[in-house]
Each structure stands twice: as C-alpha cells, then as structure tokens.
Amino acid sequence: MKFSYVLPDPASSGDWSEFEGDLDSMKRAGYDAVELQIADPAAFDEERVRRTLDRVGYALCAFQTGSTYATRGNCLSSPDEAVRRRTTALLKSFVDLAARWRSVIVFGSLQGRLRDEPDAALAKRRIRAAIEEVGRYASERGAVLAFEPVCHEEVGFHNTIAEVAELVRGLKLPGVRMMIDTFHMNIEEKDLLGCFAGIGDLLAHVHLSETNRDVLGSGHWPTAGFCQALADLGYQGHVSVGVYRTRLPRRASIDRSMAELRRVLPGSV
C-alpha cells in the first residue's frame, strides 16, 4: 500500500526550506508521496515545487481544493450565480493543474453548508450541475475529480459514502470518481469497515485521519482493519495521512504517524 502525507502549500510558510525539510522528514520516515493543500492554482509555484519533489523523488499524488470556502466564500450551492460560476472556474483551474501533474483533485468542502442554501434539494441540483460541468472538463483532459463525503458538521450535502456513490454513478463520467476519509466516516457511517465494500470501481483516493484528527494511534480508528479492507477491495491508489489537530511539531507528527502504521501493519509499510 502506498502512503502519502498531507502538507500545506509551501508558499504558506514563507520559508521554502521548511517545505524541503518536511519532505526530507517524510522520505526518511518512509512515505511514498505527498499531498498538498492548495488555495489557488494561479498562485502555485509549479516549477519550484517540481524541482523540489524531483530532488526527493516524490510524486504529488493529490491536491486539496476546499480552503477557499472559508477564506473566499467559494461555494457551489450558493444562491449567487456569480459565486457558483467563480467556484466552477476555480475547479476547472485545478483540473488543468492536476492534468499536468497526473494528480487527483480532492473535492468536498466547496459544496457549502445549509446556511448557504437551506433548500437541500435545490443545493444538490446546483452541485450536481457544477460537478457534471467540471467532470466533463476533467474527462476531456484525463484528470480525475475525487468527490469526498464530508461530515454534516462541515458540509451540508452528500455526507455519506452512499450519497456520493449514487451521484458519481449517475454522472457516468471517467473524470468524476470518489474518495473516502476516515475522520468523516467515523461520524457518518454505521459500518466503518463495510460501508465502502461496493465502491471499488469508483475509489480514486483515500484519506487516513485519526478520529480526533491528531497523529495516527491517538484516537480509536481501526487502521489495520481499514487497510486490510482496502486491500481486499483491490485499491491501488495512495492513502494520504492527514494530521490537522495536534500540538506536536509537523515532523514529529510525520514520524509518529508512520511509526503507528508500521506497528499495526508489520511488514506492509
């Protein structure tokens, strides 16, 4: 199984050596690739990132897209058509970026919340229309948008694996698949290890995040059983470790999460 680790956009630190040091730490720990949180592809220094990743020998397996919901108000369910068009255009720019990098586009938070559009049926129609448009664009360019079920505490719509799978299957577009995130699964799903049994043909990406979003092993997620279920499903993509709520320095989080993977998956990492 291929494990990656989620890092912020290197431009956000203001010190490129911090990004380089994080990658070196990941490489020493044994990760296979990196996933980045990107706000705007237009501001992403592709040339410098590519040089840096080539030095380490890393692929960029995925981009996260959702940060501008909070910072810029981008939202696909918004009643404001201009906001919806702006958000759709942003996602298309991520498609162009992902096509150049052969990376997966992580999508979920840009759906918005019920406070953006209280009429859930109307919101879902808007979201579906936008994803169909972006999905056709992605399909033409050989890119993949991975639709993530995000819990109801963070997103107002398509919170479960079943809901997202139904939407993705209905679109029938090669550029739209789905992903799963263990943090959100722990909140929304009743059967944690059986709820994704029927989506092997749709699964393009995976986030492995502890139930408290701290380092792996600090919560109660059944990591060993989950990884075995992925293997049984025939999943061959990356599993990105996400640590979002911790008091540890990032490099300690990188090391401790990999140590936990080695503990629960002996001989497999």
Protein backbone atom coordinates (compact mmCIF):
# COMPACT_ATOMS: atom_id res chain seq x y z
CA MET A 1 0.00 0.00 0.00
CA LYS A 2 1.28 3.46 -0.91
CA PHE A 3 1.20 6.06 1.87
CA SER A 4 1.46 9.82 1.43
CA TYR A 5 1.26 12.71 3.88
CA VAL A 6 -0.72 15.95 3.62
CA LEU A 7 1.29 19.18 3.74
CA PRO A 8 0.17 22.80 3.40
CA ASP A 9 1.02 24.82 0.31
CA PRO A 10 4.77 25.55 0.59
CA ALA A 11 4.07 29.20 -0.19
CA SER A 12 2.06 29.50 3.02
CA SER A 13 5.10 29.11 5.27
CA GLY A 14 7.13 31.93 3.75
CA ASP A 15 10.25 29.77 4.10
CA TRP A 16 10.88 27.24 1.35
CA SER A 17 13.42 25.39 3.49
CA GLU A 18 10.58 24.39 5.82
CA PHE A 19 8.83 22.62 2.95
CA GLU A 20 12.07 20.95 1.91
CA GLY A 21 12.72 19.82 5.47
CA ASP A 22 9.23 18.37 5.79
CA LEU A 23 9.73 16.39 2.58
CA ASP A 24 13.09 15.10 3.78
CA SER A 25 11.46 14.03 7.05
CA MET A 26 8.72 12.21 5.11
CA LYS A 27 11.28 10.46 2.95
CA ARG A 28 13.27 9.26 5.95
CA ALA A 29 10.09 8.05 7.63
CA GLY A 30 9.12 6.00 4.58
CA TYR A 31 6.23 7.81 2.89
CA ASP A 32 5.84 7.31 -0.86
CA ALA A 33 4.38 10.66 -1.98
CA VAL A 34 2.95 13.99 -0.84
CA GLU A 35 -0.47 15.62 -1.00
CA LEU A 36 -0.77 19.42 -0.89
CA GLN A 37 -3.45 21.83 0.30
CA ILE A 38 -3.71 24.45 -2.47
CA ALA A 39 -5.90 27.54 -2.38
CA ASP A 40 -5.40 28.81 -5.93
CA PRO A 41 -3.54 27.07 -8.78
CA ALA A 42 -2.73 30.50 -10.23
CA ALA A 43 -0.53 31.23 -7.21
CA PHE A 44 1.09 27.78 -7.10
CA ASP A 45 4.80 27.80 -7.95
CA GLU A 46 4.77 24.67 -10.10
CA GLU A 47 8.33 24.92 -11.36
CA ARG A 48 9.86 25.26 -7.92
CA VAL A 49 7.66 22.55 -6.42
CA ARG A 50 8.54 20.18 -9.23
CA ARG A 51 12.27 20.76 -8.78
CA THR A 52 11.93 20.17 -5.04
CA LEU A 53 9.90 16.98 -5.43
CA ASP A 54 12.26 15.66 -8.10
CA ARG A 55 15.15 16.07 -5.66
CA VAL A 56 13.37 13.92 -3.09
CA GLY A 57 11.98 11.51 -5.67
CA TYR A 58 8.34 12.17 -4.78
CA ALA A 59 5.13 12.22 -6.76
CA LEU A 60 2.45 14.78 -5.96
CA CYS A 61 -0.48 12.42 -5.59
CA ALA A 62 -3.32 14.86 -4.86
CA PHE A 63 -4.40 18.47 -4.39
CA GLN A 64 -6.96 19.63 -1.83
CA THR A 65 -9.35 22.34 -3.04
CA GLY A 66 -11.61 23.29 -0.15
CA SER A 67 -9.77 26.02 1.74
CA THR A 68 -11.30 28.91 -0.21
CA TYR A 69 -14.79 28.13 1.05
CA ALA A 70 -13.82 29.73 4.36
CA THR A 71 -11.34 32.31 3.07
CA ARG A 72 -13.01 33.50 -0.15
CA GLY A 73 -16.60 32.31 0.04
CA ASN A 74 -16.33 29.93 -2.91
CA CYS A 75 -19.38 27.67 -2.88
CA LEU A 76 -21.27 25.55 -5.42
CA SER A 77 -24.61 25.64 -3.59
CA SER A 78 -24.71 29.43 -3.23
CA PRO A 79 -27.85 31.23 -4.47
CA ASP A 80 -25.47 33.78 -6.02
CA GLU A 81 -24.80 32.64 -9.58
CA ALA A 82 -21.59 34.68 -9.75
CA VAL A 83 -20.20 32.77 -6.75
CA ARG A 84 -21.15 29.45 -8.32
CA ARG A 85 -19.51 30.37 -11.62
CA ARG A 86 -16.38 31.57 -9.85
CA THR A 87 -16.16 28.32 -7.90
CA THR A 88 -16.69 26.22 -11.02
CA ALA A 89 -13.94 28.17 -12.78
CA LEU A 90 -11.63 27.54 -9.83
CA LEU A 91 -12.27 23.81 -10.02
CA LYS A 92 -11.51 23.83 -13.74
CA SER A 93 -8.18 25.50 -12.98
CA PHE A 94 -7.49 22.66 -10.55
CA VAL A 95 -8.30 20.23 -13.36
CA ASP A 96 -5.70 21.88 -15.57
CA LEU A 97 -3.17 21.71 -12.74
CA ALA A 98 -3.93 18.08 -11.96
CA ALA A 99 -3.67 17.10 -15.61
CA ARG A 100 -0.15 18.50 -15.73
CA TRP A 101 0.83 16.63 -12.55
CA ARG A 102 -1.22 13.45 -13.07
CA SER A 103 -2.67 14.09 -9.62
CA VAL A 104 -6.10 13.56 -8.08
CA ILE A 105 -8.28 16.58 -7.26
CA VAL A 106 -9.85 16.32 -3.80
CA PHE A 107 -13.32 17.90 -3.71
CA GLY A 108 -15.87 18.17 -0.92
CA SER A 109 -15.92 21.35 1.15
CA LEU A 110 -16.72 23.64 -1.78
CA GLN A 111 -20.26 22.24 -1.79
CA GLY A 112 -21.10 24.64 1.05
CA ARG A 113 -23.44 24.37 4.00
CA LEU A 114 -27.16 24.57 4.66
CA ARG A 115 -26.76 28.17 5.72
CA ASP A 116 -25.61 28.89 2.16
CA GLU A 117 -28.72 27.27 0.69
CA PRO A 118 -31.35 25.95 3.16
CA ASP A 119 -33.23 24.19 0.35
CA ALA A 120 -31.21 20.96 0.23
CA ALA A 121 -32.83 19.67 -2.94
CA LEU A 122 -32.04 22.91 -4.79
CA ALA A 123 -28.49 22.93 -3.43
CA LYS A 124 -27.91 19.36 -4.60
CA ARG A 125 -29.16 20.22 -8.10
CA ARG A 126 -26.71 23.11 -8.27
CA ILE A 127 -23.84 20.96 -7.00
CA ARG A 128 -24.63 18.16 -9.45
CA ALA A 129 -24.80 20.55 -12.38
CA ALA A 130 -21.45 22.07 -11.49
CA ILE A 131 -19.77 18.71 -10.93
CA GLU A 132 -21.12 17.46 -14.24
CA GLU A 133 -19.64 20.51 -15.99
CA VAL A 134 -16.28 20.18 -14.23
CA GLY A 135 -16.35 16.41 -14.68
CA ARG A 136 -16.77 16.68 -18.44
CA TYR A 137 -13.91 19.15 -18.50
CA ALA A 138 -11.77 16.75 -16.44
CA SER A 139 -12.71 13.76 -18.59
CA GLU A 140 -11.54 15.57 -21.72
CA ARG A 141 -8.17 16.26 -20.09
CA GLY A 142 -7.57 12.90 -18.47
CA ALA A 143 -7.88 14.28 -14.94
CA VAL A 144 -9.90 12.91 -12.02
CA LEU A 145 -12.03 14.83 -9.53
CA ALA A 146 -12.38 12.70 -6.37
CA PHE A 147 -15.67 13.59 -4.63
CA GLU A 148 -15.28 13.26 -0.87
CA PRO A 149 -18.18 12.59 1.52
CA VAL A 150 -17.66 15.23 4.23
CA CYS A 151 -19.47 15.06 7.58
CA HIS A 152 -22.58 17.15 8.30
CA GLU A 153 -20.65 19.28 10.79
CA GLU A 154 -18.56 20.70 7.94
CA VAL A 155 -20.68 20.36 4.76
CA GLY A 156 -24.42 20.48 4.24
CA PHE A 157 -24.80 17.92 1.47
CA HIS A 158 -23.66 14.45 0.32
CA ASN A 159 -22.29 13.47 3.72
CA THR A 160 -22.23 9.70 3.33
CA ILE A 161 -20.41 7.31 1.05
CA ALA A 162 -23.72 6.03 -0.31
CA GLU A 163 -24.88 9.54 -1.28
CA VAL A 164 -21.68 10.37 -3.10
CA ALA A 165 -21.51 6.98 -4.79
CA GLU A 166 -25.05 7.44 -6.11
CA LEU A 167 -24.19 10.86 -7.55
CA VAL A 168 -20.93 9.68 -9.12
CA ARG A 169 -22.50 6.58 -10.67
CA GLY A 170 -25.33 8.71 -12.05
CA LEU A 171 -22.91 11.05 -13.83
CA LYS A 172 -21.08 8.21 -15.60
CA LEU A 173 -18.04 10.39 -16.27
CA PRO A 174 -14.48 8.99 -16.13
CA GLY A 175 -13.31 12.34 -14.76
CA VAL A 176 -15.52 12.08 -11.66
CA ARG A 177 -14.80 9.39 -9.11
CA MET A 178 -14.85 9.43 -5.33
CA MET A 179 -12.68 9.15 -2.25
CA ILE A 180 -13.16 8.34 1.41
CA ASP A 181 -11.85 9.99 4.56
CA THR A 182 -11.76 8.03 7.80
CA PHE A 183 -12.46 11.06 10.01
CA HIS A 184 -15.73 11.72 8.21
CA MET A 185 -16.57 8.01 8.02
CA ASN A 186 -16.30 7.77 11.80
CA ILE A 187 -19.02 10.42 12.13
CA GLU A 188 -21.37 9.46 9.29
CA GLU A 189 -21.12 5.71 8.72
CA LYS A 190 -22.63 2.93 10.82
CA ASP A 191 -20.45 0.14 9.46
CA LEU A 192 -16.92 1.55 9.38
CA LEU A 193 -15.27 -1.30 7.51
CA GLY A 194 -18.16 -2.47 5.36
CA CYS A 195 -19.61 0.81 4.12
CA PHE A 196 -17.26 1.08 1.13
CA ALA A 197 -17.41 -2.56 0.02
CA GLY A 198 -19.31 -1.72 -3.18
CA ILE A 199 -17.28 1.23 -4.44
CA GLY A 200 -14.04 -0.40 -5.56
CA ASP A 201 -14.62 0.72 -9.14
CA LEU A 202 -15.21 4.32 -8.03
CA LEU A 203 -12.46 4.79 -5.45
CA ALA A 204 -9.69 7.14 -6.63
CA HIS A 205 -8.15 8.34 -3.37
CA VAL A 206 -8.17 7.77 0.41
CA HIS A 207 -7.56 9.99 3.44
CA LEU A 208 -6.44 8.25 6.63
CA SER A 209 -7.12 10.62 9.52
CA GLU A 210 -7.47 9.69 13.18
CA THR A 211 -10.85 10.09 14.88
CA ASN A 212 -9.57 13.15 16.77
CA ARG A 213 -7.53 14.38 13.77
CA ASP A 214 -4.34 14.08 15.78
CA VAL A 215 -1.48 11.69 14.92
CA LEU A 216 -2.39 8.13 14.00
CA GLY A 217 -2.83 5.95 17.05
CA SER A 218 -4.03 8.77 19.31
CA GLY A 219 -7.71 8.02 18.65
CA HIS A 220 -9.69 4.84 18.07
CA TRP A 221 -9.72 4.37 14.29
CA PRO A 222 -9.21 0.67 13.33
CA THR A 223 -6.31 1.36 10.97
CA ALA A 224 -5.22 -2.25 10.48
CA GLY A 225 -8.72 -3.46 9.66
CA PHE A 226 -9.34 -0.49 7.39
CA CYS A 227 -6.17 -1.08 5.37
CA GLN A 228 -7.00 -4.76 5.08
CA ALA A 229 -10.47 -3.87 3.78
CA LEU A 230 -8.86 -1.55 1.20
CA ALA A 231 -6.54 -4.36 0.12
CA ASP A 232 -9.47 -6.76 -0.16
CA LEU A 233 -11.19 -4.17 -2.34
CA GLY A 234 -8.19 -4.15 -4.67
CA TYR A 235 -7.42 -0.48 -4.03
CA GLN A 236 -4.06 0.51 -5.53
CA GLY A 237 -4.02 4.28 -5.11
CA HIS A 238 -2.43 6.39 -2.41
CA VAL A 239 -3.56 6.59 1.20
CA SER A 240 -2.83 10.10 2.47
CA VAL A 241 -2.25 10.57 6.19
CA GLY A 242 -3.85 13.81 7.39
CA VAL A 243 -2.99 15.32 10.80
CA TYR A 244 -4.92 18.55 11.36
CA ARG A 245 -5.33 18.96 15.12
CA THR A 246 -2.17 18.36 17.10
CA ARG A 247 0.19 20.13 19.46
CA LEU A 248 3.15 18.28 18.01
CA PRO A 249 5.58 19.83 15.53
CA ARG A 250 4.84 18.67 12.00
CA ARG A 251 7.91 16.49 11.68
CA ALA A 252 7.09 14.71 14.93
CA SER A 253 3.60 14.08 13.55
CA ILE A 254 5.10 12.71 10.35
CA ASP A 255 7.33 10.31 12.31
CA ARG A 256 4.75 9.19 14.86
CA SER A 257 2.07 8.50 12.26
CA MET A 258 4.44 6.33 10.24
CA ALA A 259 5.57 4.55 13.41
CA GLU A 260 1.91 3.70 14.09
CA LEU A 261 1.47 2.39 10.54
CA ARG A 262 4.50 0.16 10.98
CA ARG A 263 3.17 -1.05 14.32
CA VAL A 264 -0.27 -2.05 13.07
CA LEU A 265 0.83 -3.15 9.59
CA PRO A 266 4.07 -5.06 10.28
CA GLY A 267 5.88 -5.97 7.10
CA SER A 268 3.49 -3.97 4.91
CA VAL A 269 4.96 -0.46 5.17
